[in-house]
Amino acid sequence: MLKIEAKLNLEKTTLRDTTRLFKRYNILTNIDRDVTMSDTRIKIYPLVLFAIPNYNLNSIYDINEKLKQYAMGSESNDDEDIN
């Protein structure tokens, strides 16, 4: 099993190498040509569950949700208590 830790930002070489590896094993397909662009679309197949543990996928999903909220202008922080 692959050991990948969730990071906020990946280096371009790491991103390219990981994408290349996952494409080789038909785990994902990139829809757009350059995978290092921020608006690149990729199709991830369910087979990814065999390569990456579920808790890593959950943390990546949580980071993505926080980034979406930030992009929409939400300034709330989950760690702060608002009274």
C-alpha atoms as a PDB file:
ATOM      1  CA  MET A   1       0.000   0.000   0.000  1.00  0.00           C
ATOM      2  CA  LEU A   2       1.232   3.503  -0.777  1.00  0.00           C
ATOM      3  CA  LYS A   3       2.105   5.744   2.133  1.00  0.00           C
ATOM      4  CA  ILE A   4       1.016   9.267   1.192  1.00  0.00           C
ATOM      5  CA  GLU A   5       0.501  11.969   3.769  1.00  0.00           C
ATOM      6  CA  ALA A   6      -2.001  14.730   3.099  1.00  0.00           C
ATOM      7  CA  LYS A   7      -0.263  18.053   2.509  1.00  0.00           C
ATOM      8  CA  LEU A   8      -1.733  21.429   1.702  1.00  0.00           C
ATOM      9  CA  ASN A   9       0.626  21.958  -1.227  1.00  0.00           C
ATOM     10  CA  LEU A  10       2.456  19.382  -3.296  1.00  0.00           C
ATOM     11  CA  GLU A  11       5.591  20.084  -5.262  1.00  0.00           C
ATOM     12  CA  LYS A  12       5.090  19.939  -9.025  1.00  0.00           C
ATOM     13  CA  THR A  13       7.451  16.994  -9.438  1.00  0.00           C
ATOM     14  CA  THR A  14       5.683  15.004  -6.710  1.00  0.00           C
ATOM     15  CA  LEU A  15       2.323  15.768  -8.294  1.00  0.00           C
ATOM     16  CA  ARG A  16       3.501  14.723 -11.757  1.00  0.00           C
ATOM     17  CA  ASP A  17       5.156  11.533 -10.485  1.00  0.00           C
ATOM     18  CA  THR A  18       2.100  10.532  -8.444  1.00  0.00           C
ATOM     19  CA  THR A  19      -0.228  11.230 -11.348  1.00  0.00           C
ATOM     20  CA  ARG A  20       1.991   9.232 -13.691  1.00  0.00           C
ATOM     21  CA  LEU A  21       2.055   6.296 -11.240  1.00  0.00           C
ATOM     22  CA  PHE A  22      -1.719   6.341 -10.743  1.00  0.00           C
ATOM     23  CA  LYS A  23      -2.305   6.543 -14.509  1.00  0.00           C
ATOM     24  CA  ARG A  24      -0.042   3.526 -15.021  1.00  0.00           C
ATOM     25  CA  TYR A  25      -2.265   1.465 -12.715  1.00  0.00           C
ATOM     26  CA  ASN A  26      -5.524   2.956 -14.071  1.00  0.00           C
ATOM     27  CA  ILE A  27      -6.374   4.634 -10.771  1.00  0.00           C
ATOM     28  CA  LEU A  28      -6.953   8.016 -12.354  1.00  0.00           C
ATOM     29  CA  THR A  29      -7.156   9.767 -15.701  1.00  0.00           C
ATOM     30  CA  ASN A  30      -6.317  13.392 -16.178  1.00  0.00           C
ATOM     31  CA  ILE A  31      -8.864  15.252 -18.259  1.00  0.00           C
ATOM     32  CA  ASP A  32      -6.679  18.316 -18.722  1.00  0.00           C
ATOM     33  CA  ARG A  33      -3.157  18.101 -20.058  1.00  0.00           C
ATOM     34  CA  ASP A  34      -1.103  19.833 -17.335  1.00  0.00           C
ATOM     35  CA  VAL A  35      -1.749  18.332 -13.905  1.00  0.00           C
ATOM     36  CA  THR A  36       0.165  21.083 -12.100  1.00  0.00           C
ATOM     37  CA  MET A  37      -2.361  23.796 -12.888  1.00  0.00           C
ATOM     38  CA  SER A  38      -4.767  24.731 -10.092  1.00  0.00           C
ATOM     39  CA  ASP A  39      -7.876  24.222 -12.241  1.00  0.00           C
ATOM     40  CA  THR A  40      -6.851  20.842 -13.669  1.00  0.00           C
ATOM     41  CA  ARG A  41      -9.587  18.248 -13.795  1.00  0.00           C
ATOM     42  CA  ILE A  42      -8.866  14.593 -13.073  1.00  0.00           C
ATOM     43  CA  LYS A  43     -11.102  11.554 -12.923  1.00  0.00           C
ATOM     44  CA  ILE A  44     -10.398   9.314  -9.925  1.00  0.00           C
ATOM     45  CA  TYR A  45     -11.628   5.739 -10.141  1.00  0.00           C
ATOM     46  CA  PRO A  46     -12.886   3.781  -7.098  1.00  0.00           C
ATOM     47  CA  LEU A  47      -9.766   1.627  -7.354  1.00  0.00           C
ATOM     48  CA  VAL A  48      -7.997   4.423  -5.433  1.00  0.00           C
ATOM     49  CA  LEU A  49      -9.424   2.927  -2.228  1.00  0.00           C
ATOM     50  CA  PHE A  50      -7.029  -0.002  -2.642  1.00  0.00           C
ATOM     51  CA  ALA A  51      -3.992   2.276  -3.042  1.00  0.00           C
ATOM     52  CA  ILE A  52      -4.615   4.942  -0.404  1.00  0.00           C
ATOM     53  CA  PRO A  53      -6.038   4.362   3.082  1.00  0.00           C
ATOM     54  CA  ASN A  54      -9.478   5.816   3.725  1.00  0.00           C
ATOM     55  CA  TYR A  55      -8.295   8.160   6.507  1.00  0.00           C
ATOM     56  CA  ASN A  56      -5.891   9.866   4.065  1.00  0.00           C
ATOM     57  CA  LEU A  57      -8.716  10.347   1.568  1.00  0.00           C
ATOM     58  CA  ASN A  58     -10.911  11.819   4.303  1.00  0.00           C
ATOM     59  CA  SER A  59      -8.228  14.324   5.305  1.00  0.00           C
ATOM     60  CA  ILE A  60      -7.696  15.328   1.663  1.00  0.00           C
ATOM     61  CA  TYR A  61     -11.473  15.779   1.305  1.00  0.00           C
ATOM     62  CA  ASP A  62     -11.564  17.941   4.464  1.00  0.00           C
ATOM     63  CA  ILE A  63      -8.747  20.143   3.160  1.00  0.00           C
ATOM     64  CA  ASN A  64     -10.555  20.503  -0.170  1.00  0.00           C
ATOM     65  CA  GLU A  65     -13.777  21.552   1.595  1.00  0.00           C
ATOM     66  CA  LYS A  66     -11.901  24.176   3.626  1.00  0.00           C
ATOM     67  CA  LEU A  67     -10.312  25.526   0.449  1.00  0.00           C
ATOM     68  CA  LYS A  68     -13.735  25.758  -1.218  1.00  0.00           C
ATOM     69  CA  GLN A  69     -15.123  27.665   1.766  1.00  0.00           C
ATOM     70  CA  TYR A  70     -12.155  30.018   1.706  1.00  0.00           C
ATOM     71  CA  ALA A  71     -12.562  30.600  -2.035  1.00  0.00           C
ATOM     72  CA  MET A  72     -16.237  31.458  -1.520  1.00  0.00           C
ATOM     73  CA  GLY A  73     -15.286  34.129   1.018  1.00  0.00           C
ATOM     74  CA  SER A  74     -16.146  32.324   4.225  1.00  0.00           C
ATOM     75  CA  GLU A  75     -13.872  33.557   6.983  1.00  0.00           C
ATOM     76  CA  SER A  76     -15.100  31.268   9.738  1.00  0.00           C
ATOM     77  CA  ASN A  77     -12.566  29.019  11.403  1.00  0.00           C
ATOM     78  CA  ASP A  78     -13.540  25.622  12.792  1.00  0.00           C
ATOM     79  CA  ASP A  79     -11.041  25.973  15.646  1.00  0.00           C
ATOM     80  CA  GLU A  80     -12.530  29.201  16.995  1.00  0.00           C
ATOM     81  CA  ASP A  81     -15.528  29.320  19.316  1.00  0.00           C
ATOM     82  CA  ILE A  82     -17.929  32.135  18.495  1.00  0.00           C
ATOM     83  CA  ASN A  83     -20.125  33.259  21.386  1.00  0.00           C
END
